[in-house]
Amino acid sequence: MFGFWRQRKFEDSQLGQFTRVRTMWIPAAVQTGLGVSMEGGKERPSPEVVEVARRLLRDPKGLIQEAEAFVRSDARAAEFIAGNGELVCDGFTVYRSGKFAVEFSLTDWADAMISVPFEGTKPCAISLGD
């Protein structure tokens, strides 16, 4: 009767199926390896955002290495990580603007999050959270 309560879904032939949570499209299934979340509208993320996500997952290695080096060079991040296991890259978040962030977690702290947004091809900040 009302579409208000139905869970919104979006599927991409290369990226898989996504469900909408607030303003984000997140993978519908638990991922093994790298995943991508995309900011977007009620029906789907924009084609431009989807294309950025595809590009990131096609060749992620250099960006992940650069983000990890950026995190490891930051004293605040080093303190956050210390004693909480290994740094693990979970994937990417792509925003409506087409900008993106590399997302990390820690092996011994289940809800730790480390996000590294990029300006162009360079990391520009670190966000720490749990």
N, C-alpha and C. Protein backbone atom coordinates (compact mmCIF):
# COMPACT_ATOMS: atom_id res chain seq x y z
N MET A 1 0.82 -1.18 0.00
CA MET A 1 0.00 0.00 0.00
C MET A 1 0.87 1.25 0.00
N PHE A 2 1.71 1.38 0.98
CA PHE A 2 2.61 2.52 1.04
C PHE A 2 4.02 2.04 0.78
N GLY A 3 4.76 2.72 -0.08
CA GLY A 3 6.14 2.36 -0.36
C GLY A 3 7.09 2.82 0.74
N PHE A 4 6.54 3.53 1.72
CA PHE A 4 7.36 4.10 2.78
C PHE A 4 8.12 3.05 3.57
N TRP A 5 7.50 1.90 3.83
CA TRP A 5 8.10 0.90 4.71
C TRP A 5 8.93 -0.14 3.97
N ARG A 6 8.84 -0.18 2.67
CA ARG A 6 9.60 -1.21 1.95
C ARG A 6 11.09 -0.86 1.92
N GLN A 7 11.90 -1.89 2.01
CA GLN A 7 13.34 -1.67 1.95
C GLN A 7 13.73 -1.44 0.48
N ARG A 8 14.43 -0.37 0.25
CA ARG A 8 14.84 -0.03 -1.11
C ARG A 8 16.08 -0.82 -1.49
N LYS A 9 16.10 -1.31 -2.74
CA LYS A 9 17.23 -2.09 -3.24
C LYS A 9 17.68 -1.55 -4.57
N PHE A 10 18.94 -1.77 -4.83
CA PHE A 10 19.55 -1.36 -6.10
C PHE A 10 20.55 -2.44 -6.46
N GLU A 11 20.60 -2.81 -7.73
CA GLU A 11 21.57 -3.82 -8.16
C GLU A 11 22.37 -3.31 -9.35
N ASP A 12 23.67 -3.55 -9.28
CA ASP A 12 24.58 -3.21 -10.35
C ASP A 12 25.26 -4.49 -10.80
N SER A 13 25.37 -4.67 -12.11
CA SER A 13 25.93 -5.92 -12.64
C SER A 13 27.38 -6.16 -12.19
N GLN A 14 28.14 -5.11 -11.93
CA GLN A 14 29.53 -5.27 -11.53
C GLN A 14 29.73 -5.20 -10.01
N LEU A 15 28.91 -4.41 -9.33
CA LEU A 15 29.11 -4.18 -7.90
C LEU A 15 28.24 -5.05 -7.00
N GLY A 16 27.14 -5.57 -7.54
CA GLY A 16 26.25 -6.40 -6.74
C GLY A 16 25.01 -5.67 -6.27
N GLN A 17 24.38 -6.23 -5.25
CA GLN A 17 23.12 -5.69 -4.75
C GLN A 17 23.36 -4.83 -3.51
N PHE A 18 22.57 -3.74 -3.41
CA PHE A 18 22.69 -2.79 -2.32
C PHE A 18 21.32 -2.51 -1.72
N THR A 19 21.33 -2.19 -0.43
CA THR A 19 20.13 -1.70 0.24
C THR A 19 20.40 -0.30 0.76
N ARG A 20 19.33 0.47 0.90
CA ARG A 20 19.47 1.86 1.31
C ARG A 20 19.30 1.98 2.82
N VAL A 21 20.26 2.66 3.45
CA VAL A 21 20.19 3.00 4.86
C VAL A 21 20.43 4.50 4.96
N ARG A 22 19.39 5.22 5.31
CA ARG A 22 19.40 6.69 5.32
C ARG A 22 19.77 7.22 3.95
N THR A 23 20.95 7.79 3.80
CA THR A 23 21.35 8.35 2.50
C THR A 23 22.39 7.48 1.81
N MET A 24 22.70 6.32 2.39
CA MET A 24 23.78 5.47 1.86
C MET A 24 23.22 4.18 1.27
N TRP A 25 23.83 3.74 0.19
CA TRP A 25 23.57 2.44 -0.40
C TRP A 25 24.72 1.52 0.04
N ILE A 26 24.39 0.50 0.82
CA ILE A 26 25.40 -0.40 1.37
C ILE A 26 25.21 -1.80 0.78
N PRO A 27 26.28 -2.60 0.71
CA PRO A 27 26.15 -3.95 0.15
C PRO A 27 25.09 -4.75 0.92
N ALA A 28 24.23 -5.44 0.17
CA ALA A 28 23.14 -6.21 0.77
C ALA A 28 23.64 -7.47 1.45
N ALA A 29 24.76 -8.02 1.00
CA ALA A 29 25.31 -9.25 1.57
C ALA A 29 26.65 -8.95 2.24
N VAL A 30 27.00 -9.78 3.20
CA VAL A 30 28.30 -9.65 3.84
C VAL A 30 29.38 -9.86 2.79
N GLN A 31 30.32 -8.95 2.74
CA GLN A 31 31.37 -8.98 1.73
C GLN A 31 32.59 -9.75 2.20
N THR A 32 33.21 -10.44 1.29
CA THR A 32 34.56 -10.94 1.52
C THR A 32 35.44 -10.10 0.62
N GLY A 33 36.48 -9.58 1.17
CA GLY A 33 37.31 -8.67 0.40
C GLY A 33 36.80 -7.26 0.52
N LEU A 34 37.11 -6.45 -0.47
CA LEU A 34 36.75 -5.04 -0.44
C LEU A 34 35.30 -4.82 -0.82
N GLY A 35 34.68 -3.87 -0.15
CA GLY A 35 33.32 -3.47 -0.47
C GLY A 35 33.28 -1.99 -0.77
N VAL A 36 32.12 -1.53 -1.19
CA VAL A 36 31.93 -0.11 -1.46
C VAL A 36 30.53 0.29 -1.02
N SER A 37 30.43 1.42 -0.35
CA SER A 37 29.15 2.04 0.00
C SER A 37 29.06 3.32 -0.80
N MET A 38 27.83 3.67 -1.22
CA MET A 38 27.66 4.84 -2.07
C MET A 38 26.55 5.73 -1.54
N GLU A 39 26.81 7.02 -1.49
CA GLU A 39 25.78 7.98 -1.11
C GLU A 39 24.88 8.17 -2.32
N GLY A 40 23.58 8.31 -2.07
CA GLY A 40 22.69 8.48 -3.22
C GLY A 40 21.27 8.79 -2.85
N GLY A 41 20.46 8.94 -3.87
CA GLY A 41 19.05 9.28 -3.72
C GLY A 41 18.22 8.08 -3.29
N LYS A 42 16.90 8.29 -3.22
CA LYS A 42 15.99 7.26 -2.73
C LYS A 42 15.91 6.03 -3.63
N GLU A 43 16.07 6.22 -4.93
CA GLU A 43 15.92 5.10 -5.86
C GLU A 43 17.24 4.41 -6.19
N ARG A 44 18.34 5.15 -6.15
CA ARG A 44 19.64 4.59 -6.51
C ARG A 44 20.70 5.68 -6.39
N PRO A 45 21.98 5.28 -6.33
CA PRO A 45 23.04 6.28 -6.44
C PRO A 45 23.11 6.77 -7.89
N SER A 46 23.66 7.94 -8.10
CA SER A 46 23.76 8.48 -9.46
C SER A 46 24.71 7.61 -10.29
N PRO A 47 24.55 7.62 -11.62
CA PRO A 47 25.46 6.86 -12.48
C PRO A 47 26.91 7.27 -12.29
N GLU A 48 27.16 8.55 -12.01
CA GLU A 48 28.52 9.02 -11.80
C GLU A 48 29.14 8.40 -10.54
N VAL A 49 28.35 8.31 -9.49
CA VAL A 49 28.82 7.70 -8.24
C VAL A 49 29.11 6.21 -8.46
N VAL A 50 28.23 5.53 -9.17
CA VAL A 50 28.43 4.11 -9.47
C VAL A 50 29.71 3.92 -10.28
N GLU A 51 29.97 4.80 -11.23
CA GLU A 51 31.18 4.67 -12.04
C GLU A 51 32.44 4.89 -11.20
N VAL A 52 32.41 5.83 -10.26
CA VAL A 52 33.55 6.03 -9.36
C VAL A 52 33.77 4.76 -8.54
N ALA A 53 32.70 4.17 -8.02
CA ALA A 53 32.81 2.94 -7.23
C ALA A 53 33.42 1.81 -8.06
N ARG A 54 32.97 1.65 -9.28
CA ARG A 54 33.53 0.62 -10.16
C ARG A 54 35.03 0.84 -10.38
N ARG A 55 35.40 2.09 -10.65
CA ARG A 55 36.80 2.42 -10.91
C ARG A 55 37.66 2.12 -9.68
N LEU A 56 37.17 2.46 -8.50
CA LEU A 56 37.93 2.22 -7.28
C LEU A 56 38.17 0.73 -7.05
N LEU A 57 37.17 -0.08 -7.31
CA LEU A 57 37.30 -1.52 -7.08
C LEU A 57 38.10 -2.22 -8.18
N ARG A 58 38.20 -1.60 -9.35
CA ARG A 58 39.02 -2.18 -10.43
C ARG A 58 40.51 -2.13 -10.10
N ASP A 59 40.93 -1.04 -9.48
CA ASP A 59 42.36 -0.86 -9.20
C ASP A 59 42.56 -0.18 -7.84
N PRO A 60 42.29 -0.90 -6.74
CA PRO A 60 42.31 -0.28 -5.42
C PRO A 60 43.67 -0.20 -4.74
N LYS A 61 44.62 -1.00 -5.17
CA LYS A 61 45.87 -1.20 -4.42
C LYS A 61 46.62 0.09 -4.10
N GLY A 62 46.87 0.93 -5.10
CA GLY A 62 47.65 2.14 -4.88
C GLY A 62 46.98 3.10 -3.90
N LEU A 63 45.67 3.26 -4.03
CA LEU A 63 44.94 4.16 -3.13
C LEU A 63 44.95 3.64 -1.70
N ILE A 64 44.80 2.33 -1.55
CA ILE A 64 44.82 1.73 -0.21
C ILE A 64 46.20 1.90 0.42
N GLN A 65 47.24 1.66 -0.34
CA GLN A 65 48.60 1.82 0.19
C GLN A 65 48.84 3.27 0.61
N GLU A 66 48.39 4.20 -0.20
CA GLU A 66 48.58 5.62 0.11
C GLU A 66 47.79 6.01 1.37
N ALA A 67 46.56 5.52 1.49
CA ALA A 67 45.74 5.81 2.67
C ALA A 67 46.36 5.20 3.92
N GLU A 68 46.85 3.97 3.81
CA GLU A 68 47.46 3.31 4.96
C GLU A 68 48.72 4.05 5.42
N ALA A 69 49.55 4.47 4.48
CA ALA A 69 50.75 5.23 4.84
C ALA A 69 50.37 6.53 5.52
N PHE A 70 49.32 7.18 5.04
CA PHE A 70 48.83 8.43 5.63
C PHE A 70 48.38 8.20 7.07
N VAL A 71 47.64 7.11 7.31
CA VAL A 71 47.18 6.77 8.67
C VAL A 71 48.36 6.49 9.57
N ARG A 72 49.30 5.69 9.09
CA ARG A 72 50.44 5.30 9.94
C ARG A 72 51.36 6.48 10.26
N SER A 73 51.31 7.54 9.48
CA SER A 73 52.15 8.71 9.74
C SER A 73 51.49 9.70 10.71
N ASP A 74 50.27 9.44 11.11
CA ASP A 74 49.53 10.34 11.98
C ASP A 74 49.62 9.87 13.43
N ALA A 75 50.11 10.71 14.34
CA ALA A 75 50.30 10.34 15.74
C ALA A 75 48.98 9.99 16.43
N ARG A 76 47.93 10.74 16.15
CA ARG A 76 46.62 10.48 16.76
C ARG A 76 46.08 9.11 16.32
N ALA A 77 46.24 8.80 15.05
CA ALA A 77 45.80 7.50 14.53
C ALA A 77 46.63 6.38 15.12
N ALA A 78 47.94 6.58 15.26
CA ALA A 78 48.81 5.56 15.84
C ALA A 78 48.38 5.24 17.27
N GLU A 79 48.02 6.25 18.03
CA GLU A 79 47.54 6.04 19.39
C GLU A 79 46.21 5.29 19.40
N PHE A 80 45.34 5.61 18.47
CA PHE A 80 44.03 4.96 18.33
C PHE A 80 44.20 3.47 18.00
N ILE A 81 45.17 3.17 17.14
CA ILE A 81 45.41 1.80 16.68
C ILE A 81 46.15 0.96 17.72
N ALA A 82 47.05 1.57 18.48
CA ALA A 82 47.95 0.86 19.40
C ALA A 82 47.20 -0.13 20.30
N GLY A 83 47.62 -1.39 20.24
CA GLY A 83 47.06 -2.43 21.10
C GLY A 83 45.70 -2.94 20.67
N ASN A 84 45.22 -2.51 19.52
CA ASN A 84 43.88 -2.91 19.07
C ASN A 84 43.90 -3.76 17.82
N GLY A 85 45.03 -4.40 17.55
CA GLY A 85 45.11 -5.32 16.43
C GLY A 85 45.66 -4.68 15.18
N GLU A 86 45.43 -5.35 14.09
CA GLU A 86 45.96 -4.94 12.79
C GLU A 86 44.96 -4.05 12.06
N LEU A 87 45.50 -3.16 11.26
CA LEU A 87 44.71 -2.29 10.40
C LEU A 87 44.27 -3.11 9.18
N VAL A 88 42.96 -3.09 8.88
CA VAL A 88 42.41 -3.85 7.77
C VAL A 88 41.59 -2.92 6.89
N CYS A 89 41.85 -2.94 5.59
CA CYS A 89 41.06 -2.13 4.68
C CYS A 89 39.76 -2.87 4.36
N ASP A 90 38.64 -2.18 4.59
CA ASP A 90 37.33 -2.76 4.30
C ASP A 90 36.80 -2.36 2.93
N GLY A 91 37.30 -1.24 2.40
CA GLY A 91 36.85 -0.79 1.10
C GLY A 91 36.73 0.71 1.02
N PHE A 92 35.65 1.17 0.35
CA PHE A 92 35.51 2.58 0.03
C PHE A 92 34.11 3.08 0.33
N THR A 93 34.02 4.38 0.56
CA THR A 93 32.75 5.10 0.57
C THR A 93 32.84 6.15 -0.53
N VAL A 94 31.83 6.20 -1.39
CA VAL A 94 31.79 7.19 -2.46
C VAL A 94 30.63 8.14 -2.16
N TYR A 95 30.91 9.44 -2.19
CA TYR A 95 29.93 10.47 -1.88
C TYR A 95 29.29 11.01 -3.15
N ARG A 96 28.15 11.69 -3.00
CA ARG A 96 27.43 12.26 -4.14
C ARG A 96 28.31 13.15 -5.00
N SER A 97 29.25 13.81 -4.37
CA SER A 97 30.16 14.72 -5.08
C SER A 97 31.14 13.98 -5.99
N GLY A 98 31.24 12.66 -5.81
CA GLY A 98 32.22 11.87 -6.55
C GLY A 98 33.51 11.69 -5.77
N LYS A 99 33.66 12.42 -4.65
CA LYS A 99 34.81 12.22 -3.79
C LYS A 99 34.63 10.90 -3.06
N PHE A 100 35.71 10.39 -2.50
CA PHE A 100 35.64 9.09 -1.84
C PHE A 100 36.55 9.05 -0.63
N ALA A 101 36.35 8.00 0.17
CA ALA A 101 37.20 7.74 1.33
C ALA A 101 37.56 6.26 1.34
N VAL A 102 38.76 5.97 1.83
CA VAL A 102 39.18 4.59 2.06
C VAL A 102 38.83 4.28 3.51
N GLU A 103 38.20 3.13 3.74
CA GLU A 103 37.70 2.75 5.06
C GLU A 103 38.51 1.60 5.65
N PHE A 104 38.92 1.76 6.91
CA PHE A 104 39.68 0.74 7.62
C PHE A 104 38.96 0.34 8.90
N SER A 105 39.29 -0.86 9.38
CA SER A 105 38.85 -1.33 10.70
C SER A 105 40.08 -1.92 11.40
N LEU A 106 39.87 -2.37 12.62
CA LEU A 106 40.95 -3.00 13.40
C LEU A 106 40.52 -4.40 13.80
N THR A 107 41.45 -5.35 13.75
CA THR A 107 41.12 -6.76 14.00
C THR A 107 40.66 -7.03 15.43
N ASP A 108 41.16 -6.28 16.41
CA ASP A 108 40.82 -6.57 17.80
C ASP A 108 39.87 -5.55 18.43
N TRP A 109 39.25 -4.71 17.62
CA TRP A 109 38.29 -3.72 18.11
C TRP A 109 37.15 -3.70 17.11
N ALA A 110 36.10 -4.44 17.42
CA ALA A 110 35.03 -4.73 16.45
C ALA A 110 34.37 -3.49 15.85
N ASP A 111 34.20 -2.43 16.61
CA ASP A 111 33.48 -1.28 16.06
C ASP A 111 34.38 -0.07 15.78
N ALA A 112 35.68 -0.28 15.73
CA ALA A 112 36.60 0.81 15.37
C ALA A 112 36.48 1.13 13.89
N MET A 113 36.52 2.41 13.56
CA MET A 113 36.45 2.85 12.17
C MET A 113 37.50 3.93 11.94
N ILE A 114 38.20 3.79 10.85
CA ILE A 114 39.17 4.80 10.43
C ILE A 114 38.87 5.11 8.97
N SER A 115 38.52 6.36 8.72
CA SER A 115 38.15 6.78 7.38
C SER A 115 39.16 7.81 6.88
N VAL A 116 39.60 7.63 5.65
CA VAL A 116 40.59 8.52 5.04
C VAL A 116 39.99 9.11 3.76
N PRO A 117 39.43 10.32 3.85
CA PRO A 117 38.90 10.96 2.64
C PRO A 117 40.03 11.44 1.73
N PHE A 118 39.75 11.46 0.44
CA PHE A 118 40.72 11.90 -0.56
C PHE A 118 40.24 13.18 -1.23
N GLU A 119 41.17 14.03 -1.56
CA GLU A 119 40.96 15.18 -2.45
C GLU A 119 41.70 14.83 -3.72
N GLY A 120 41.00 14.59 -4.78
CA GLY A 120 41.64 14.13 -6.01
C GLY A 120 42.23 12.75 -5.77
N THR A 121 43.53 12.63 -5.92
CA THR A 121 44.19 11.34 -5.73
C THR A 121 45.02 11.28 -4.45
N LYS A 122 44.84 12.25 -3.55
CA LYS A 122 45.65 12.31 -2.33
C LYS A 122 44.79 12.30 -1.07
N PRO A 123 45.22 11.53 -0.05
CA PRO A 123 44.50 11.56 1.22
C PRO A 123 44.63 12.96 1.86
N CYS A 124 43.56 13.42 2.51
CA CYS A 124 43.59 14.78 3.04
C CYS A 124 43.22 14.88 4.51
N ALA A 125 42.72 13.81 5.12
CA ALA A 125 42.30 13.87 6.53
C ALA A 125 42.15 12.44 7.05
N ILE A 126 41.96 12.35 8.37
CA ILE A 126 41.69 11.05 9.00
C ILE A 126 40.55 11.25 9.99
N SER A 127 39.56 10.37 9.92
CA SER A 127 38.45 10.38 10.86
C SER A 127 38.51 9.09 11.66
N LEU A 128 38.53 9.21 12.98
CA LEU A 128 38.60 8.04 13.87
C LEU A 128 37.30 7.93 14.62
N GLY A 129 36.77 6.72 14.76
CA GLY A 129 35.53 6.54 15.48
C GLY A 129 35.31 5.13 15.95
N ASP A 130 34.38 4.98 16.87
CA ASP A 130 33.94 3.64 17.30
C ASP A 130 32.47 3.64 17.55
